[in-house]
Amino acid sequence: MPATLRTAWANLGQHQRDVFVEGCARRRRSTVAMVVLAVLFSIQFFFLRKAGLGIACLLTGGFFGIGWIVFWFVTPSMVHEYNREIASQIAQYIRYAEGT
């Protein structure tokens, strides 16, 4: 967990923590599922909010086939970054909604 999220977590009450955990659980992406999508269909970009890259990948056939191999290795870090962004957004929303 990044330092900013750790600090935000420490300042949250129990109800806010419950909301945070529930929000993250609903919106996070599974690394395994995204790698499977990368291997089979190369559509994981659409689930990770990278539609431009997804369209380019589909139009070029997985960047001429080379992309599919690269995506096996790159997708886990993209999923990790997406999940971190989601957690940060939820923490900001909770702070804003609670006025803290």
PDB file of N, CA and C in Angstrom:
ATOM      1  N   MET A   1       0.847  -1.165   0.000  1.00  0.00           N
ATOM      2  CA  MET A   1       0.000   0.000   0.000  1.00  0.00           C
ATOM      3  C   MET A   1       0.902   1.240   0.000  1.00  0.00           C
ATOM      4  N   PRO A   2       0.681   2.175  -0.915  1.00  0.00           N
ATOM      5  CA  PRO A   2       1.499   3.389  -0.963  1.00  0.00           C
ATOM      6  C   PRO A   2       1.372   4.204   0.320  1.00  0.00           C
ATOM      7  N   ALA A   3       2.360   5.031   0.578  1.00  0.00           N
ATOM      8  CA  ALA A   3       2.400   5.821   1.810  1.00  0.00           C
ATOM      9  C   ALA A   3       1.183   6.736   1.938  1.00  0.00           C
ATOM     10  N   THR A   4       0.738   7.322   0.830  1.00  0.00           N
ATOM     11  CA  THR A   4      -0.416   8.216   0.905  1.00  0.00           C
ATOM     12  C   THR A   4      -1.672   7.460   1.334  1.00  0.00           C
ATOM     13  N   LEU A   5      -1.818   6.230   0.837  1.00  0.00           N
ATOM     14  CA  LEU A   5      -2.982   5.437   1.242  1.00  0.00           C
ATOM     15  C   LEU A   5      -2.861   4.971   2.692  1.00  0.00           C
ATOM     16  N   ARG A   6      -1.648   4.662   3.126  1.00  0.00           N
ATOM     17  CA  ARG A   6      -1.453   4.273   4.530  1.00  0.00           C
ATOM     18  C   ARG A   6      -1.825   5.416   5.460  1.00  0.00           C
ATOM     19  N   THR A   7      -1.436   6.633   5.082  1.00  0.00           N
ATOM     20  CA  THR A   7      -1.774   7.805   5.887  1.00  0.00           C
ATOM     21  C   THR A   7      -3.278   8.022   5.905  1.00  0.00           C
ATOM     22  N   ALA A   8      -3.914   7.911   4.742  1.00  0.00           N
ATOM     23  CA  ALA A   8      -5.360   8.070   4.664  1.00  0.00           C
ATOM     24  C   ALA A   8      -6.057   6.994   5.487  1.00  0.00           C
ATOM     25  N   TRP A   9      -5.564   5.762   5.421  1.00  0.00           N
ATOM     26  CA  TRP A   9      -6.156   4.641   6.159  1.00  0.00           C
ATOM     27  C   TRP A   9      -6.086   4.897   7.664  1.00  0.00           C
ATOM     28  N   ALA A  10      -4.975   5.433   8.120  1.00  0.00           N
ATOM     29  CA  ALA A  10      -4.800   5.686   9.550  1.00  0.00           C
ATOM     30  C   ALA A  10      -5.783   6.744  10.051  1.00  0.00           C
ATOM     31  N   ASN A  11      -6.191   7.652   9.183  1.00  0.00           N
ATOM     32  CA  ASN A  11      -7.093   8.728   9.582  1.00  0.00           C
ATOM     33  C   ASN A  11      -8.571   8.383   9.417  1.00  0.00           C
ATOM     34  N   LEU A  12      -8.883   7.201   8.910  1.00  0.00           N
ATOM     35  CA  LEU A  12     -10.273   6.817   8.693  1.00  0.00           C
ATOM     36  C   LEU A  12     -10.865   6.148   9.929  1.00  0.00           C
ATOM     37  N   GLY A  13     -12.152   6.399  10.152  1.00  0.00           N
ATOM     38  CA  GLY A  13     -12.874   5.705  11.208  1.00  0.00           C
ATOM     39  C   GLY A  13     -13.263   4.320  10.722  1.00  0.00           C
ATOM     40  N   GLN A  14     -13.852   3.525  11.609  1.00  0.00           N
ATOM     41  CA  GLN A  14     -14.192   2.151  11.255  1.00  0.00           C
ATOM     42  C   GLN A  14     -15.214   2.098  10.118  1.00  0.00           C
ATOM     43  N   HIS A  15     -16.232   2.944  10.160  1.00  0.00           N
ATOM     44  CA  HIS A  15     -17.235   2.956   9.086  1.00  0.00           C
ATOM     45  C   HIS A  15     -16.588   3.332   7.756  1.00  0.00           C
ATOM     46  N   GLN A  16     -15.719   4.326   7.787  1.00  0.00           N
ATOM     47  CA  GLN A  16     -15.023   4.748   6.567  1.00  0.00           C
ATOM     48  C   GLN A  16     -14.133   3.637   6.035  1.00  0.00           C
ATOM     49  N   ARG A  17     -13.481   2.902   6.918  1.00  0.00           N
ATOM     50  CA  ARG A  17     -12.644   1.770   6.490  1.00  0.00           C
ATOM     51  C   ARG A  17     -13.485   0.687   5.833  1.00  0.00           C
ATOM     52  N   ASP A  18     -14.660   0.433   6.406  1.00  0.00           N
ATOM     53  CA  ASP A  18     -15.558  -0.566   5.813  1.00  0.00           C
ATOM     54  C   ASP A  18     -15.991  -0.151   4.412  1.00  0.00           C
ATOM     55  N   VAL A  19     -16.319   1.129   4.252  1.00  0.00           N
ATOM     56  CA  VAL A  19     -16.706   1.648   2.935  1.00  0.00           C
ATOM     57  C   VAL A  19     -15.542   1.531   1.960  1.00  0.00           C
ATOM     58  N   PHE A  20     -14.343   1.841   2.418  1.00  0.00           N
ATOM     59  CA  PHE A  20     -13.146   1.751   1.584  1.00  0.00           C
ATOM     60  C   PHE A  20     -12.904   0.318   1.119  1.00  0.00           C
ATOM     61  N   VAL A  21     -12.949  -0.624   2.036  1.00  0.00           N
ATOM     62  CA  VAL A  21     -12.697  -2.026   1.702  1.00  0.00           C
ATOM     63  C   VAL A  21     -13.759  -2.549   0.741  1.00  0.00           C
ATOM     64  N   GLU A  22     -15.028  -2.207   0.997  1.00  0.00           N
ATOM     65  CA  GLU A  22     -16.104  -2.657   0.113  1.00  0.00           C
ATOM     66  C   GLU A  22     -15.955  -2.054  -1.288  1.00  0.00           C
ATOM     67  N   GLY A  23     -15.632  -0.776  -1.358  1.00  0.00           N
ATOM     68  CA  GLY A  23     -15.460  -0.119  -2.655  1.00  0.00           C
ATOM     69  C   GLY A  23     -14.308  -0.716  -3.444  1.00  0.00           C
ATOM     70  N   CYS A  24     -13.211  -0.967  -2.777  1.00  0.00           N
ATOM     71  CA  CYS A  24     -12.052  -1.569  -3.453  1.00  0.00           C
ATOM     72  C   CYS A  24     -12.366  -2.985  -3.926  1.00  0.00           C
ATOM     73  N   ALA A  25     -13.068  -3.738  -3.105  1.00  0.00           N
ATOM     74  CA  ALA A  25     -13.390  -5.117  -3.476  1.00  0.00           C
ATOM     75  C   ALA A  25     -14.297  -5.162  -4.707  1.00  0.00           C
ATOM     76  N   ARG A  26     -15.206  -4.210  -4.810  1.00  0.00           N
ATOM     77  CA  ARG A  26     -16.125  -4.199  -5.952  1.00  0.00           C
ATOM     78  C   ARG A  26     -15.459  -3.731  -7.236  1.00  0.00           C
ATOM     79  N   ARG A  27     -14.502  -2.801  -7.148  1.00  0.00           N
ATOM     80  CA  ARG A  27     -13.967  -2.173  -8.355  1.00  0.00           C
ATOM     81  C   ARG A  27     -12.608  -2.691  -8.782  1.00  0.00           C
ATOM     82  N   ARG A  28     -11.940  -3.462  -7.956  1.00  0.00           N
ATOM     83  CA  ARG A  28     -10.600  -3.926  -8.316  1.00  0.00           C
ATOM     84  C   ARG A  28     -10.671  -4.990  -9.400  1.00  0.00           C
ATOM     85  N   ARG A  29      -9.576  -5.188 -10.082  1.00  0.00           N
ATOM     86  CA  ARG A  29      -9.488  -6.193 -11.142  1.00  0.00           C
ATOM     87  C   ARG A  29      -8.557  -7.314 -10.698  1.00  0.00           C
ATOM     88  N   SER A  30      -8.873  -8.517 -11.110  1.00  0.00           N
ATOM     89  CA  SER A  30      -8.063  -9.685 -10.805  1.00  0.00           C
ATOM     90  C   SER A  30      -6.916  -9.788 -11.811  1.00  0.00           C
ATOM     91  N   THR A  31      -5.716  -9.974 -11.309  1.00  0.00           N
ATOM     92  CA  THR A  31      -4.558 -10.107 -12.183  1.00  0.00           C
ATOM     93  C   THR A  31      -4.685 -11.346 -13.065  1.00  0.00           C
ATOM     94  N   VAL A  32      -5.127 -12.448 -12.487  1.00  0.00           N
ATOM     95  CA  VAL A  32      -5.258 -13.695 -13.246  1.00  0.00           C
ATOM     96  C   VAL A  32      -6.270 -13.529 -14.377  1.00  0.00           C
ATOM     97  N   ALA A  33      -7.410 -12.918 -14.075  1.00  0.00           N
ATOM     98  CA  ALA A  33      -8.443 -12.725 -15.105  1.00  0.00           C
ATOM     99  C   ALA A  33      -7.929 -11.831 -16.227  1.00  0.00           C
ATOM    100  N   MET A  34      -7.198 -10.791 -15.896  1.00  0.00           N
ATOM    101  CA  MET A  34      -6.699  -9.881 -16.924  1.00  0.00           C
ATOM    102  C   MET A  34      -5.619 -10.549 -17.780  1.00  0.00           C
ATOM    103  N   VAL A  35      -4.782 -11.387 -17.177  1.00  0.00           N
ATOM    104  CA  VAL A  35      -3.771 -12.096 -17.967  1.00  0.00           C
ATOM    105  C   VAL A  35      -4.452 -13.096 -18.901  1.00  0.00           C
ATOM    106  N   VAL A  36      -5.493 -13.772 -18.420  1.00  0.00           N
ATOM    107  CA  VAL A  36      -6.235 -14.701 -19.283  1.00  0.00           C
ATOM    108  C   VAL A  36      -6.848 -13.939 -20.456  1.00  0.00           C
ATOM    109  N   LEU A  37      -7.442 -12.783 -20.193  1.00  0.00           N
ATOM    110  CA  LEU A  37      -7.994 -11.969 -21.281  1.00  0.00           C
ATOM    111  C   LEU A  37      -6.894 -11.525 -22.244  1.00  0.00           C
ATOM    112  N   ALA A  38      -5.724 -11.222 -21.702  1.00  0.00           N
ATOM    113  CA  ALA A  38      -4.609 -10.803 -22.552  1.00  0.00           C
ATOM    114  C   ALA A  38      -4.172 -11.932 -23.472  1.00  0.00           C
ATOM    115  N   VAL A  39      -4.135 -13.138 -22.940  1.00  0.00           N
ATOM    116  CA  VAL A  39      -3.683 -14.282 -23.725  1.00  0.00           C
ATOM    117  C   VAL A  39      -4.726 -14.693 -24.764  1.00  0.00           C
ATOM    118  N   LEU A  40      -5.987 -14.735 -24.361  1.00  0.00           N
ATOM    119  CA  LEU A  40      -7.029 -15.233 -25.252  1.00  0.00           C
ATOM    120  C   LEU A  40      -7.535 -14.204 -26.265  1.00  0.00           C
ATOM    121  N   PHE A  41      -7.821 -13.005 -25.794  1.00  0.00           N
ATOM    122  CA  PHE A  41      -8.510 -12.048 -26.653  1.00  0.00           C
ATOM    123  C   PHE A  41      -7.812 -10.698 -26.797  1.00  0.00           C
ATOM    124  N   SER A  42      -6.906 -10.393 -25.924  1.00  0.00           N
ATOM    125  CA  SER A  42      -6.213  -9.112 -25.904  1.00  0.00           C
ATOM    126  C   SER A  42      -7.192  -7.940 -25.719  1.00  0.00           C
ATOM    127  N   ILE A  43      -8.169  -8.133 -24.820  1.00  0.00           N
ATOM    128  CA  ILE A  43      -9.139  -7.069 -24.534  1.00  0.00           C
ATOM    129  C   ILE A  43      -9.011  -6.531 -23.109  1.00  0.00           C
ATOM    130  N   GLN A  44      -7.965  -6.898 -22.410  1.00  0.00           N
ATOM    131  CA  GLN A  44      -7.799  -6.460 -21.031  1.00  0.00           C
ATOM    132  C   GLN A  44      -7.689  -4.947 -20.911  1.00  0.00           C
ATOM    133  N   PHE A  45      -7.244  -4.277 -21.959  1.00  0.00           N
ATOM    134  CA  PHE A  45      -7.077  -2.830 -21.909  1.00  0.00           C
ATOM    135  C   PHE A  45      -8.398  -2.109 -21.667  1.00  0.00           C
ATOM    136  N   PHE A  46      -9.473  -2.639 -22.200  1.00  0.00           N
ATOM    137  CA  PHE A  46     -10.778  -2.011 -22.021  1.00  0.00           C
ATOM    138  C   PHE A  46     -11.226  -2.084 -20.565  1.00  0.00           C
ATOM    139  N   PHE A  47     -10.858  -3.149 -19.868  1.00  0.00           N
ATOM    140  CA  PHE A  47     -11.206  -3.292 -18.460  1.00  0.00           C
ATOM    141  C   PHE A  47     -10.301  -2.451 -17.567  1.00  0.00           C
ATOM    142  N   LEU A  48      -9.153  -2.062 -18.079  1.00  0.00           N
ATOM    143  CA  LEU A  48      -8.193  -1.273 -17.304  1.00  0.00           C
ATOM    144  C   LEU A  48      -8.220   0.209 -17.676  1.00  0.00           C
ATOM    145  N   ARG A  49      -9.285   0.640 -18.343  1.00  0.00           N
ATOM    146  CA  ARG A  49      -9.500   2.034 -18.746  1.00  0.00           C
ATOM    147  C   ARG A  49      -8.410   2.550 -19.690  1.00  0.00           C
ATOM    148  N   LYS A  50      -7.985   1.723 -20.593  1.00  0.00           N
ATOM    149  CA  LYS A  50      -7.003   2.113 -21.606  1.00  0.00           C
ATOM    150  C   LYS A  50      -7.574   1.762 -22.980  1.00  0.00           C
ATOM    151  N   ALA A  51      -8.707   2.406 -23.294  1.00  0.00           N
ATOM    152  CA  ALA A  51      -9.443   2.072 -24.517  1.00  0.00           C
ATOM    153  C   ALA A  51      -8.634   2.364 -25.775  1.00  0.00           C
ATOM    154  N   GLY A  52      -7.883   3.439 -25.799  1.00  0.00           N
ATOM    155  CA  GLY A  52      -7.072   3.766 -26.972  1.00  0.00           C
ATOM    156  C   GLY A  52      -6.078   2.666 -27.291  1.00  0.00           C
ATOM    157  N   LEU A  53      -5.408   2.176 -26.270  1.00  0.00           N
ATOM    158  CA  LEU A  53      -4.453   1.087 -26.451  1.00  0.00           C
ATOM    159  C   LEU A  53      -5.172  -0.195 -26.855  1.00  0.00           C
ATOM    160  N   GLY A  54      -6.368  -0.418 -26.310  1.00  0.00           N
ATOM    161  CA  GLY A  54      -7.152  -1.592 -26.671  1.00  0.00           C
ATOM    162  C   GLY A  54      -7.579  -1.574 -28.126  1.00  0.00           C
ATOM    163  N   ILE A  55      -8.023  -0.418 -28.608  1.00  0.00           N
ATOM    164  CA  ILE A  55      -8.424  -0.293 -30.011  1.00  0.00           C
ATOM    165  C   ILE A  55      -7.228  -0.503 -30.924  1.00  0.00           C
ATOM    166  N   ALA A  56      -6.096   0.101 -30.589  1.00  0.00           N
ATOM    167  CA  ALA A  56      -4.880  -0.072 -31.396  1.00  0.00           C
ATOM    168  C   ALA A  56      -4.463  -1.535 -31.440  1.00  0.00           C
ATOM    169  N   CYS A  57      -4.585  -2.201 -30.326  1.00  0.00           N
ATOM    170  CA  CYS A  57      -4.219  -3.621 -30.254  1.00  0.00           C
ATOM    171  C   CYS A  57      -5.139  -4.462 -31.126  1.00  0.00           C
ATOM    172  N   LEU A  58      -6.435  -4.200 -31.054  1.00  0.00           N
ATOM    173  CA  LEU A  58      -7.381  -4.961 -31.861  1.00  0.00           C
ATOM    174  C   LEU A  58      -7.204  -4.704 -33.354  1.00  0.00           C
ATOM    175  N   LEU A  59      -6.944  -3.466 -33.716  1.00  0.00           N
ATOM    176  CA  LEU A  59      -6.789  -3.124 -35.131  1.00  0.00           C
ATOM    177  C   LEU A  59      -5.511  -3.679 -35.749  1.00  0.00           C
ATOM    178  N   THR A  60      -4.498  -3.888 -34.928  1.00  0.00           N
ATOM    179  CA  THR A  60      -3.225  -4.381 -35.448  1.00  0.00           C
ATOM    180  C   THR A  60      -2.995  -5.860 -35.170  1.00  0.00           C
ATOM    181  N   GLY A  61      -4.022  -6.534 -34.672  1.00  0.00           N
ATOM    182  CA  GLY A  61      -3.859  -7.963 -34.384  1.00  0.00           C
ATOM    183  C   GLY A  61      -2.882  -8.217 -33.266  1.00  0.00           C
ATOM    184  N   GLY A  62      -3.066  -7.500 -32.170  1.00  0.00           N
ATOM    185  CA  GLY A  62      -2.150  -7.679 -31.033  1.00  0.00           C
ATOM    186  C   GLY A  62      -0.772  -7.162 -31.351  1.00  0.00           C
ATOM    187  N   PHE A  63      -0.733  -6.014 -32.039  1.00  0.00           N
ATOM    188  CA  PHE A  63       0.526  -5.422 -32.487  1.00  0.00           C
ATOM    189  C   PHE A  63       1.337  -6.461 -33.262  1.00  0.00           C
ATOM    190  N   PHE A  64       0.643  -7.034 -34.235  1.00  0.00           N
ATOM    191  CA  PHE A  64       1.211  -8.006 -35.171  1.00  0.00           C
ATOM    192  C   PHE A  64       1.702  -9.274 -34.481  1.00  0.00           C
ATOM    193  N   GLY A  65       1.012  -9.650 -33.418  1.00  0.00           N
ATOM    194  CA  GLY A  65       1.315 -10.890 -32.717  1.00  0.00           C
ATOM    195  C   GLY A  65       2.355 -10.763 -31.627  1.00  0.00           C
ATOM    196  N   ILE A  66       3.236  -9.801 -31.756  1.00  0.00           N
ATOM    197  CA  ILE A  66       4.295  -9.620 -30.756  1.00  0.00           C
ATOM    198  C   ILE A  66       3.703  -9.138 -29.436  1.00  0.00           C
ATOM    199  N   GLY A  67       2.668  -8.313 -29.538  1.00  0.00           N
ATOM    200  CA  GLY A  67       2.040  -7.757 -28.344  1.00  0.00           C
ATOM    201  C   GLY A  67       1.491  -8.808 -27.404  1.00  0.00           C
ATOM    202  N   TRP A  68       0.936  -9.878 -27.938  1.00  0.00           N
ATOM    203  CA  TRP A  68       0.374 -10.898 -27.074  1.00  0.00           C
ATOM    204  C   TRP A  68       1.423 -11.483 -26.133  1.00  0.00           C
ATOM    205  N   ILE A  69       2.597 -11.689 -26.615  1.00  0.00           N
ATOM    206  CA  ILE A  69       3.670 -12.217 -25.763  1.00  0.00           C
ATOM    207  C   ILE A  69       4.071 -11.188 -24.715  1.00  0.00           C
ATOM    208  N   VAL A  70       4.200  -9.941 -25.145  1.00  0.00           N
ATOM    209  CA  VAL A  70       4.587  -8.868 -24.227  1.00  0.00           C
ATOM    210  C   VAL A  70       3.508  -8.654 -23.171  1.00  0.00           C
ATOM    211  N   PHE A  71       2.233  -8.749 -23.553  1.00  0.00           N
ATOM    212  CA  PHE A  71       1.130  -8.496 -22.630  1.00  0.00           C
ATOM    213  C   PHE A  71       1.102  -9.483 -21.473  1.00  0.00           C
ATOM    214  N   TRP A  72       1.584 -10.698 -21.678  1.00  0.00           N
ATOM    215  CA  TRP A  72       1.637 -11.665 -20.585  1.00  0.00           C
ATOM    216  C   TRP A  72       2.462 -11.124 -19.431  1.00  0.00           C
ATOM    217  N   PHE A  73       3.513 -10.391 -19.764  1.00  0.00           N
ATOM    218  CA  PHE A  73       4.429  -9.887 -18.741  1.00  0.00           C
ATOM    219  C   PHE A  73       4.067  -8.492 -18.248  1.00  0.00           C
ATOM    220  N   VAL A  74       3.437  -7.685 -19.078  1.00  0.00           N
ATOM    221  CA  VAL A  74       3.127  -6.299 -18.741  1.00  0.00           C
ATOM    222  C   VAL A  74       1.789  -6.170 -18.018  1.00  0.00           C
ATOM    223  N   THR A  75       0.852  -7.044 -18.309  1.00  0.00           N
ATOM    224  CA  THR A  75      -0.497  -6.935 -17.750  1.00  0.00           C
ATOM    225  C   THR A  75      -0.526  -6.957 -16.222  1.00  0.00           C
ATOM    226  N   PRO A  76       0.222  -7.809 -15.522  1.00  0.00           N
ATOM    227  CA  PRO A  76       0.154  -7.774 -14.052  1.00  0.00           C
ATOM    228  C   PRO A  76       0.519  -6.412 -13.461  1.00  0.00           C
ATOM    229  N   SER A  77       1.521  -5.742 -14.001  1.00  0.00           N
ATOM    230  CA  SER A  77       1.858  -4.421 -13.469  1.00  0.00           C
ATOM    231  C   SER A  77       0.788  -3.384 -13.820  1.00  0.00           C
ATOM    232  N   MET A  78       0.147  -3.534 -14.973  1.00  0.00           N
ATOM    233  CA  MET A  78      -0.945  -2.623 -15.341  1.00  0.00           C
ATOM    234  C   MET A  78      -2.138  -2.815 -14.407  1.00  0.00           C
ATOM    235  N   VAL A  79      -2.434  -4.051 -14.043  1.00  0.00           N
ATOM    236  CA  VAL A  79      -3.538  -4.335 -13.127  1.00  0.00           C
ATOM    237  C   VAL A  79      -3.217  -3.769 -11.745  1.00  0.00           C
ATOM    238  N   HIS A  80      -1.978  -3.951 -11.305  1.00  0.00           N
ATOM    239  CA  HIS A  80      -1.562  -3.424  -9.998  1.00  0.00           C
ATOM    240  C   HIS A  80      -1.723  -1.904  -9.967  1.00  0.00           C
ATOM    241  N   GLU A  81      -1.298  -1.241 -11.019  1.00  0.00           N
ATOM    242  CA  GLU A  81      -1.421   0.221 -11.098  1.00  0.00           C
ATOM    243  C   GLU A  81      -2.892   0.642 -11.113  1.00  0.00           C
ATOM    244  N   TYR A  82      -3.722  -0.063 -11.866  1.00  0.00           N
ATOM    245  CA  TYR A  82      -5.162   0.237 -11.917  1.00  0.00           C
ATOM    246  C   TYR A  82      -5.784   0.105 -10.522  1.00  0.00           C
ATOM    247  N   ASN A  83      -5.488  -0.991  -9.825  1.00  0.00           N
ATOM    248  CA  ASN A  83      -6.044  -1.208  -8.493  1.00  0.00           C
ATOM    249  C   ASN A  83      -5.578  -0.146  -7.507  1.00  0.00           C
ATOM    250  N   ARG A  84      -4.331   0.290  -7.640  1.00  0.00           N
ATOM    251  CA  ARG A  84      -3.811   1.352  -6.773  1.00  0.00           C
ATOM    252  C   ARG A  84      -4.533   2.664  -7.038  1.00  0.00           C
ATOM    253  N   GLU A  85      -4.784   2.982  -8.315  1.00  0.00           N
ATOM    254  CA  GLU A  85      -5.517   4.195  -8.665  1.00  0.00           C
ATOM    255  C   GLU A  85      -6.932   4.158  -8.107  1.00  0.00           C
ATOM    256  N   ILE A  86      -7.587   3.012  -8.221  1.00  0.00           N
ATOM    257  CA  ILE A  86      -8.944   2.863  -7.702  1.00  0.00           C
ATOM    258  C   ILE A  86      -8.954   3.087  -6.192  1.00  0.00           C
ATOM    259  N   ALA A  87      -8.020   2.484  -5.479  1.00  0.00           N
ATOM    260  CA  ALA A  87      -7.956   2.645  -4.027  1.00  0.00           C
ATOM    261  C   ALA A  87      -7.735   4.115  -3.662  1.00  0.00           C
ATOM    262  N   SER A  88      -6.886   4.795  -4.397  1.00  0.00           N
ATOM    263  CA  SER A  88      -6.627   6.205  -4.143  1.00  0.00           C
ATOM    264  C   SER A  88      -7.869   7.050  -4.397  1.00  0.00           C
ATOM    265  N   GLN A  89      -8.585   6.762  -5.475  1.00  0.00           N
ATOM    266  CA  GLN A  89      -9.816   7.496  -5.774  1.00  0.00           C
ATOM    267  C   GLN A  89     -10.871   7.282  -4.698  1.00  0.00           C
ATOM    268  N   ILE A  90     -11.003   6.062  -4.222  1.00  0.00           N
ATOM    269  CA  ILE A  90     -11.992   5.775  -3.181  1.00  0.00           C
ATOM    270  C   ILE A  90     -11.619   6.489  -1.894  1.00  0.00           C
ATOM    271  N   ALA A  91     -10.347   6.498  -1.538  1.00  0.00           N
ATOM    272  CA  ALA A  91      -9.904   7.209  -0.333  1.00  0.00           C
ATOM    273  C   ALA A  91     -10.182   8.709  -0.455  1.00  0.00           C
ATOM    274  N   GLN A  92      -9.931   9.282  -1.614  1.00  0.00           N
ATOM    275  CA  GLN A  92     -10.223  10.709  -1.819  1.00  0.00           C
ATOM    276  C   GLN A  92     -11.712  10.971  -1.708  1.00  0.00           C
ATOM    277  N   TYR A  93     -12.527  10.097  -2.291  1.00  0.00           N
ATOM    278  CA  TYR A  93     -13.970  10.261  -2.229  1.00  0.00           C
ATOM    279  C   TYR A  93     -14.468  10.206  -0.783  1.00  0.00           C
ATOM    280  N   ILE A  94     -13.948   9.273  -0.004  1.00  0.00           N
ATOM    281  CA  ILE A  94     -14.368   9.142   1.384  1.00  0.00           C
ATOM    282  C   ILE A  94     -13.999  10.391   2.155  1.00  0.00           C
ATOM    283  N   ARG A  95     -12.780  10.889   1.955  1.00  0.00           N
ATOM    284  CA  ARG A  95     -12.373  12.124   2.651  1.00  0.00           C
ATOM    285  C   ARG A  95     -13.253  13.291   2.243  1.00  0.00           C
ATOM    286  N   TYR A  96     -13.583  13.382   0.968  1.00  0.00           N
ATOM    287  CA  TYR A  96     -14.436  14.461   0.481  1.00  0.00           C
ATOM    288  C   TYR A  96     -15.851  14.324   1.025  1.00  0.00           C
ATOM    289  N   ALA A  97     -16.404  13.120   0.988  1.00  0.00           N
ATOM    290  CA  ALA A  97     -17.781  12.895   1.432  1.00  0.00           C
ATOM    291  C   ALA A  97     -17.943  13.127   2.935  1.00  0.00           C
ATOM    292  N   GLU A  98     -16.923  12.811   3.690  1.00  0.00           N
ATOM    293  CA  GLU A  98     -16.991  12.961   5.144  1.00  0.00           C
ATOM    294  C   GLU A  98     -16.530  14.344   5.600  1.00  0.00           C
ATOM    295  N   GLY A  99     -15.970  15.123   4.669  1.00  0.00           N
ATOM    296  CA  GLY A  99     -15.541  16.473   4.997  1.00  0.00           C
ATOM    297  C   GLY A  99     -14.260  16.536   5.814  1.00  0.00           C
ATOM    298  N   THR A 100     -13.411  15.490   5.706  1.00  0.00           N
ATOM    299  CA  THR A 100     -12.166  15.496   6.456  1.00  0.00           C
ATOM    300  C   THR A 100     -10.997  15.714   5.549  1.00  0.00           C
TER     301      THR A 100
END
